[in-house]
C-alpha atoms as a PDB file:
ATOM      1  CA  MET A   1     -25.933 -29.253 -24.231  1.00  0.00           C
ATOM      2  CA  THR A   2     -25.087 -26.372 -22.017  1.00  0.00           C
ATOM      3  CA  ARG A   3     -25.558 -23.413 -23.424  1.00  0.00           C
ATOM      4  CA  LEU A   4     -23.952 -20.347 -21.846  1.00  0.00           C
ATOM      5  CA  VAL A   5     -23.954 -17.019 -23.159  1.00  0.00           C
ATOM      6  CA  ALA A   6     -20.777 -14.346 -22.627  1.00  0.00           C
ATOM      7  CA  ILE A   7     -21.553 -10.462 -23.693  1.00  0.00           C
ATOM      8  CA  SER A   8     -18.446  -8.060 -23.007  1.00  0.00           C
ATOM      9  CA  GLY A   9     -19.203  -5.003 -21.388  1.00  0.00           C
ATOM     10  CA  SER A  10     -17.222  -2.791 -23.899  1.00  0.00           C
ATOM     11  CA  LEU A  11     -18.050  -1.576 -27.396  1.00  0.00           C
ATOM     12  CA  ARG A  12     -14.418  -0.611 -27.931  1.00  0.00           C
ATOM     13  CA  LYS A  13     -12.855  -2.397 -30.911  1.00  0.00           C
ATOM     14  CA  GLY A  14      -9.567  -3.340 -29.174  1.00  0.00           C
ATOM     15  CA  SER A  15     -11.513  -4.166 -26.020  1.00  0.00           C
ATOM     16  CA  PHE A  16      -9.180  -6.834 -23.945  1.00  0.00           C
ATOM     17  CA  ASN A  17     -12.846  -7.920 -22.463  1.00  0.00           C
ATOM     18  CA  THR A  18     -13.881  -8.917 -26.109  1.00  0.00           C
ATOM     19  CA  ALA A  19     -10.841 -10.508 -27.096  1.00  0.00           C
ATOM     20  CA  LEU A  20     -11.249 -12.503 -24.120  1.00  0.00           C
ATOM     21  CA  LEU A  21     -14.846 -13.517 -24.513  1.00  0.00           C
ATOM     22  CA  ARG A  22     -13.709 -14.474 -28.821  1.00  0.00           C
ATOM     23  CA  ALA A  23     -10.890 -16.529 -26.834  1.00  0.00           C
ATOM     24  CA  ALA A  24     -13.425 -18.154 -24.283  1.00  0.00           C
ATOM     25  CA  LEU A  25     -15.596 -19.308 -27.682  1.00  0.00           C
ATOM     26  CA  ASP A  26     -13.201 -21.629 -28.659  1.00  0.00           C
ATOM     27  CA  MET A  27     -12.944 -23.150 -25.148  1.00  0.00           C
ATOM     28  CA  ALA A  28     -15.958 -24.385 -24.710  1.00  0.00           C
ATOM     29  CA  PRO A  29     -15.753 -27.772 -23.235  1.00  0.00           C
ATOM     30  CA  GLU A  30     -17.192 -30.897 -24.895  1.00  0.00           C
ATOM     31  CA  GLY A  31     -20.754 -30.758 -24.912  1.00  0.00           C
ATOM     32  CA  VAL A  32     -20.717 -26.649 -23.718  1.00  0.00           C
ATOM     33  CA  GLU A  33     -22.182 -24.211 -26.538  1.00  0.00           C
ATOM     34  CA  ILE A  34     -20.671 -20.361 -25.864  1.00  0.00           C
ATOM     35  CA  VAL A  35     -22.733 -18.130 -27.956  1.00  0.00           C
ATOM     36  CA  GLU A  36     -21.754 -14.176 -27.980  1.00  0.00           C
ATOM     37  CA  GLY A  37     -24.331 -11.361 -26.875  1.00  0.00           C
ATOM     38  CA  THR A  38     -24.010  -7.939 -27.512  1.00  0.00           C
ATOM     39  CA  ILE A  39     -25.126  -4.858 -25.974  1.00  0.00           C
ATOM     40  CA  ARG A  40     -23.933  -2.737 -29.406  1.00  0.00           C
ATOM     41  CA  GLY A  41     -26.606  -0.768 -30.446  1.00  0.00           C
ATOM     42  CA  ILE A  42     -28.519  -0.548 -26.719  1.00  0.00           C
ATOM     43  CA  PRO A  43     -29.726   3.335 -25.977  1.00  0.00           C
ATOM     44  CA  LEU A  44     -29.524   4.833 -23.076  1.00  0.00           C
ATOM     45  CA  TYR A  45     -32.343   4.096 -20.769  1.00  0.00           C
ATOM     46  CA  ASP A  46     -34.959   5.988 -20.808  1.00  0.00           C
ATOM     47  CA  ALA A  47     -38.289   5.479 -19.270  1.00  0.00           C
ATOM     48  CA  ASP A  48     -40.113   7.626 -21.984  1.00  0.00           C
ATOM     49  CA  MET A  49     -39.077   5.692 -24.754  1.00  0.00           C
ATOM     50  CA  GLU A  50     -39.888   2.724 -23.010  1.00  0.00           C
ATOM     51  CA  ALA A  51     -43.082   3.650 -22.795  1.00  0.00           C
ATOM     52  CA  SER A  52     -43.428   5.602 -25.789  1.00  0.00           C
ATOM     53  CA  ASP A  53     -41.736   3.014 -28.182  1.00  0.00           C
ATOM     54  CA  GLY A  54     -41.717  -0.133 -25.940  1.00  0.00           C
ATOM     55  CA  ILE A  55     -38.023  -2.461 -25.766  1.00  0.00           C
ATOM     56  CA  PRO A  56     -35.733  -1.647 -28.232  1.00  0.00           C
ATOM     57  CA  GLN A  57     -34.886  -4.540 -30.704  1.00  0.00           C
ATOM     58  CA  ALA A  58     -31.152  -4.813 -29.692  1.00  0.00           C
ATOM     59  CA  VAL A  59     -32.442  -5.307 -25.975  1.00  0.00           C
ATOM     60  CA  ALA A  60     -34.916  -7.631 -26.686  1.00  0.00           C
ATOM     61  CA  ARG A  61     -32.577 -10.089 -28.997  1.00  0.00           C
ATOM     62  CA  LEU A  62     -30.252  -9.399 -26.310  1.00  0.00           C
ATOM     63  CA  LYS A  63     -32.961 -10.985 -23.471  1.00  0.00           C
ATOM     64  CA  ASP A  64     -33.731 -13.799 -25.462  1.00  0.00           C
ATOM     65  CA  GLN A  65     -30.694 -15.080 -25.701  1.00  0.00           C
ATOM     66  CA  VAL A  66     -29.955 -15.143 -21.669  1.00  0.00           C
ATOM     67  CA  SER A  67     -32.927 -16.233 -21.273  1.00  0.00           C
ATOM     68  CA  GLU A  68     -33.014 -18.746 -23.589  1.00  0.00           C
ATOM     69  CA  ALA A  69     -29.432 -19.612 -21.863  1.00  0.00           C
ATOM     70  CA  ASP A  70     -28.587 -22.190 -18.970  1.00  0.00           C
ATOM     71  CA  GLY A  71     -25.337 -19.700 -17.526  1.00  0.00           C
ATOM     72  CA  VAL A  72     -24.085 -16.132 -18.879  1.00  0.00           C
ATOM     73  CA  ILE A  73     -20.296 -14.875 -18.401  1.00  0.00           C
ATOM     74  CA  LEU A  74     -19.582 -11.255 -18.313  1.00  0.00           C
ATOM     75  CA  PHE A  75     -16.359  -9.835 -19.490  1.00  0.00           C
ATOM     76  CA  THR A  76     -16.517  -6.781 -17.559  1.00  0.00           C
ATOM     77  CA  PRO A  77     -14.362  -3.820 -17.811  1.00  0.00           C
ATOM     78  CA  GLU A  78     -13.505  -1.262 -15.004  1.00  0.00           C
ATOM     79  CA  TYR A  79     -13.878   2.135 -15.123  1.00  0.00           C
ATOM     80  CA  ASN A  80     -12.723   4.407 -12.238  1.00  0.00           C
ATOM     81  CA  ASN A  81     -13.019   1.393 -10.110  1.00  0.00           C
ATOM     82  CA  GLY A  82     -16.975   0.572 -11.209  1.00  0.00           C
ATOM     83  CA  ILE A  83     -18.703  -0.978 -13.552  1.00  0.00           C
ATOM     84  CA  PRO A  84     -19.113   0.665 -17.063  1.00  0.00           C
ATOM     85  CA  GLY A  85     -21.733   2.466 -17.280  1.00  0.00           C
ATOM     86  CA  VAL A  86     -22.592   1.383 -20.874  1.00  0.00           C
ATOM     87  CA  PHE A  87     -22.736  -2.218 -19.358  1.00  0.00           C
ATOM     88  CA  LYS A  88     -24.973  -1.251 -16.364  1.00  0.00           C
ATOM     89  CA  ASN A  89     -27.283   0.312 -19.001  1.00  0.00           C
ATOM     90  CA  ALA A  90     -27.866  -2.983 -21.039  1.00  0.00           C
ATOM     91  CA  ILE A  91     -28.706  -4.651 -17.749  1.00  0.00           C
ATOM     92  CA  ASP A  92     -30.830  -2.119 -16.572  1.00  0.00           C
ATOM     93  CA  TRP A  93     -32.808  -2.127 -20.064  1.00  0.00           C
ATOM     94  CA  MET A  94     -32.875  -6.204 -19.921  1.00  0.00           C
ATOM     95  CA  SER A  95     -34.619  -5.387 -16.521  1.00  0.00           C
ATOM     96  CA  ARG A  96     -37.205  -4.002 -18.120  1.00  0.00           C
ATOM     97  CA  PRO A  97     -40.712  -4.473 -17.861  1.00  0.00           C
ATOM     98  CA  PRO A  98     -39.708  -5.655 -14.176  1.00  0.00           C
ATOM     99  CA  ALA A  99     -42.027  -8.818 -15.056  1.00  0.00           C
ATOM    100  CA  ASP A 100     -39.459  -9.840 -17.092  1.00  0.00           C
ATOM    101  CA  ILE A 101     -36.892 -10.142 -14.192  1.00  0.00           C
ATOM    102  CA  PRO A 102     -37.852 -13.586 -13.366  1.00  0.00           C
ATOM    103  CA  ARG A 103     -37.906 -14.886 -17.004  1.00  0.00           C
ATOM    104  CA  VAL A 104     -34.551 -13.223 -17.949  1.00  0.00           C
ATOM    105  CA  PHE A 105     -32.434 -13.671 -15.026  1.00  0.00           C
ATOM    106  CA  GLY A 106     -34.168 -15.288 -12.090  1.00  0.00           C
ATOM    107  CA  GLY A 107     -32.619 -18.604 -10.828  1.00  0.00           C
ATOM    108  CA  LYS A 108     -29.606 -18.115 -13.839  1.00  0.00           C
ATOM    109  CA  PRO A 109     -26.193 -19.030 -13.168  1.00  0.00           C
ATOM    110  CA  PHE A 110     -23.749 -16.025 -13.792  1.00  0.00           C
ATOM    111  CA  ALA A 111     -19.980 -15.666 -13.886  1.00  0.00           C
ATOM    112  CA  ILE A 112     -17.801 -12.467 -13.776  1.00  0.00           C
ATOM    113  CA  ALA A 113     -14.649 -12.333 -15.578  1.00  0.00           C
ATOM    114  CA  GLY A 114     -12.937  -9.055 -16.732  1.00  0.00           C
ATOM    115  CA  ALA A 115      -9.449  -7.535 -18.139  1.00  0.00           C
ATOM    116  CA  SER A 116      -8.113  -4.184 -17.554  1.00  0.00           C
ATOM    117  CA  PRO A 117      -4.702  -2.709 -18.273  1.00  0.00           C
ATOM    118  CA  GLY A 118      -4.470  -1.140 -14.613  1.00  0.00           C
ATOM    119  CA  ASN A 119      -2.854  -3.474 -11.786  1.00  0.00           C
ATOM    120  CA  PHE A 120      -5.935  -4.887 -10.201  1.00  0.00           C
ATOM    121  CA  GLY A 121      -7.952  -6.397 -13.337  1.00  0.00           C
ATOM    122  CA  THR A 122     -11.366  -5.508 -12.476  1.00  0.00           C
ATOM    123  CA  LEU A 123     -11.914  -6.503  -8.695  1.00  0.00           C
ATOM    124  CA  LEU A 124     -13.618  -3.605  -7.715  1.00  0.00           C
ATOM    125  CA  SER A 125     -15.883  -4.028 -11.320  1.00  0.00           C
ATOM    126  CA  GLN A 126     -16.362  -7.459 -10.478  1.00  0.00           C
ATOM    127  CA  GLU A 127     -16.962  -6.999  -6.602  1.00  0.00           C
ATOM    128  CA  ALA A 128     -19.691  -3.941  -7.644  1.00  0.00           C
ATOM    129  CA  TRP A 129     -21.521  -6.080  -9.905  1.00  0.00           C
ATOM    130  CA  LEU A 130     -22.952  -8.527  -6.842  1.00  0.00           C
ATOM    131  CA  PRO A 131     -25.529  -5.991  -5.377  1.00  0.00           C
ATOM    132  CA  THR A 132     -27.349  -5.924  -8.801  1.00  0.00           C
ATOM    133  CA  MET A 133     -26.917  -9.593  -9.414  1.00  0.00           C
ATOM    134  CA  ARG A 134     -28.500 -10.382  -6.312  1.00  0.00           C
ATOM    135  CA  THR A 135     -31.195  -7.861  -7.008  1.00  0.00           C
ATOM    136  CA  LEU A 136     -31.904  -9.794 -10.132  1.00  0.00           C
ATOM    137  CA  GLY A 137     -32.107 -12.855  -8.588  1.00  0.00           C
ATOM    138  CA  THR A 138     -28.947 -14.683 -10.478  1.00  0.00           C
ATOM    139  CA  VAL A 139     -27.131 -17.137  -9.107  1.00  0.00           C
ATOM    140  CA  PRO A 140     -23.268 -16.008  -9.492  1.00  0.00           C
ATOM    141  CA  TRP A 141     -20.916 -18.700  -9.253  1.00  0.00           C
ATOM    142  CA  PHE A 142     -18.100 -18.216  -7.044  1.00  0.00           C
ATOM    143  CA  GLY A 143     -15.999 -21.248  -7.839  1.00  0.00           C
ATOM    144  CA  ALA A 144     -13.067 -18.907  -9.658  1.00  0.00           C
ATOM    145  CA  LYS A 145     -12.113 -15.353 -10.163  1.00  0.00           C
ATOM    146  CA  LEU A 146     -10.965 -14.146 -13.566  1.00  0.00           C
ATOM    147  CA  MET A 147      -8.995 -10.510 -13.209  1.00  0.00           C
ATOM    148  CA  VAL A 148      -6.850 -10.036 -16.154  1.00  0.00           C
ATOM    149  CA  SER A 149      -4.212  -7.690 -15.236  1.00  0.00           C
ATOM    150  CA  ARG A 150      -2.034  -5.087 -17.405  1.00  0.00           C
ATOM    151  CA  ALA A 151      -3.755  -7.044 -20.044  1.00  0.00           C
ATOM    152  CA  ALA A 152      -1.899  -5.001 -22.979  1.00  0.00           C
ATOM    153  CA  THR A 153       0.894  -7.382 -22.278  1.00  0.00           C
ATOM    154  CA  VAL A 154      -0.897 -10.812 -22.454  1.00  0.00           C
ATOM    155  CA  ILE A 155      -3.627  -9.692 -25.085  1.00  0.00           C
ATOM    156  CA  GLU A 156      -1.865  -8.467 -28.691  1.00  0.00           C
ATOM    157  CA  ASP A 157      -4.366  -7.546 -31.669  1.00  0.00           C
ATOM    158  CA  GLY A 158      -6.923  -9.191 -30.183  1.00  0.00           C
ATOM    159  CA  ARG A 159      -5.557 -12.807 -28.842  1.00  0.00           C
ATOM    160  CA  ILE A 160      -4.025 -13.629 -25.610  1.00  0.00           C
ATOM    161  CA  VAL A 161      -0.372 -13.879 -26.061  1.00  0.00           C
ATOM    162  CA  ASP A 162       0.341 -15.210 -22.732  1.00  0.00           C
ATOM    163  CA  GLU A 163       0.244 -18.901 -21.840  1.00  0.00           C
ATOM    164  CA  ALA A 164      -0.927 -19.006 -18.326  1.00  0.00           C
ATOM    165  CA  THR A 165      -3.627 -16.514 -19.054  1.00  0.00           C
ATOM    166  CA  GLU A 166      -4.822 -18.460 -21.269  1.00  0.00           C
ATOM    167  CA  LYS A 167      -4.711 -21.219 -19.232  1.00  0.00           C
ATOM    168  CA  LYS A 168      -6.513 -19.488 -16.498  1.00  0.00           C
ATOM    169  CA  LEU A 169      -9.401 -18.166 -18.873  1.00  0.00           C
ATOM    170  CA  ARG A 170      -9.669 -22.344 -19.918  1.00  0.00           C
ATOM    171  CA  ASP A 171      -9.941 -23.497 -16.062  1.00  0.00           C
ATOM    172  CA  PHE A 172     -12.686 -20.691 -15.415  1.00  0.00           C
ATOM    173  CA  ILE A 173     -14.716 -21.568 -18.761  1.00  0.00           C
ATOM    174  CA  ALA A 174     -14.089 -25.243 -17.400  1.00  0.00           C
ATOM    175  CA  GLY A 175     -15.313 -24.879 -14.093  1.00  0.00           C
ATOM    176  CA  PHE A 176     -17.912 -22.499 -14.798  1.00  0.00           C
ATOM    177  CA  ALA A 177     -19.690 -24.748 -17.490  1.00  0.00           C
ATOM    178  CA  ALA A 178     -19.219 -27.737 -15.189  1.00  0.00           C
ATOM    179  CA  PHE A 179     -21.152 -25.767 -12.353  1.00  0.00           C
ATOM    180  CA  VAL A 180     -23.906 -24.881 -14.834  1.00  0.00           C
ATOM    181  CA  ALA A 181     -24.238 -28.263 -16.132  1.00  0.00           C
ATOM    182  CA  ASN A 182     -24.741 -29.365 -12.436  1.00  0.00           C
ATOM    183  CA  PHE A 183     -27.148 -26.628 -10.967  1.00  0.00           C
ATOM    184  CA  LYS A 184     -29.339 -27.912 -14.050  1.00  0.00           C
ATOM    185  CA  GLY A 185     -28.957 -31.600 -13.611  1.00  0.00           C
END
């Protein structure tokens, strides 16, 4: 069994990226399990807080989910042509302490997808993640891109209503799952 963790970089209840993630949960190919990780409850990174209180429970939970997974899918919004601060903050917390980076991220396949109400479908955000993924020692998957533009026209009430978008997501999930299975094997 291949286990993937999917994480949305948005806290918004009506998030397009969370809608994509939740649709992906039902698209896992045979022999693949996709579980949802969450950034909800992760405080802003503060080294003083880390020194006095240690790693917050929400961070520890997500770190464990990622470290136990065979691969990770980041569903990233794009804010002001870049990475959402709340999502980057979660990844930064997950890299603490630095000795945990190999356990959590090292050599682990990562895929990046995203949806945006704009015309470019998170292209710049996805590209902006690459230096961070490289620094953490992940293995980015470049087999396909999933950038859903004009998301409000293809996602309604948290559901994909466009067959072409649904097919792209299904193909993306299948492609990444195959990459991860081959990577493991």
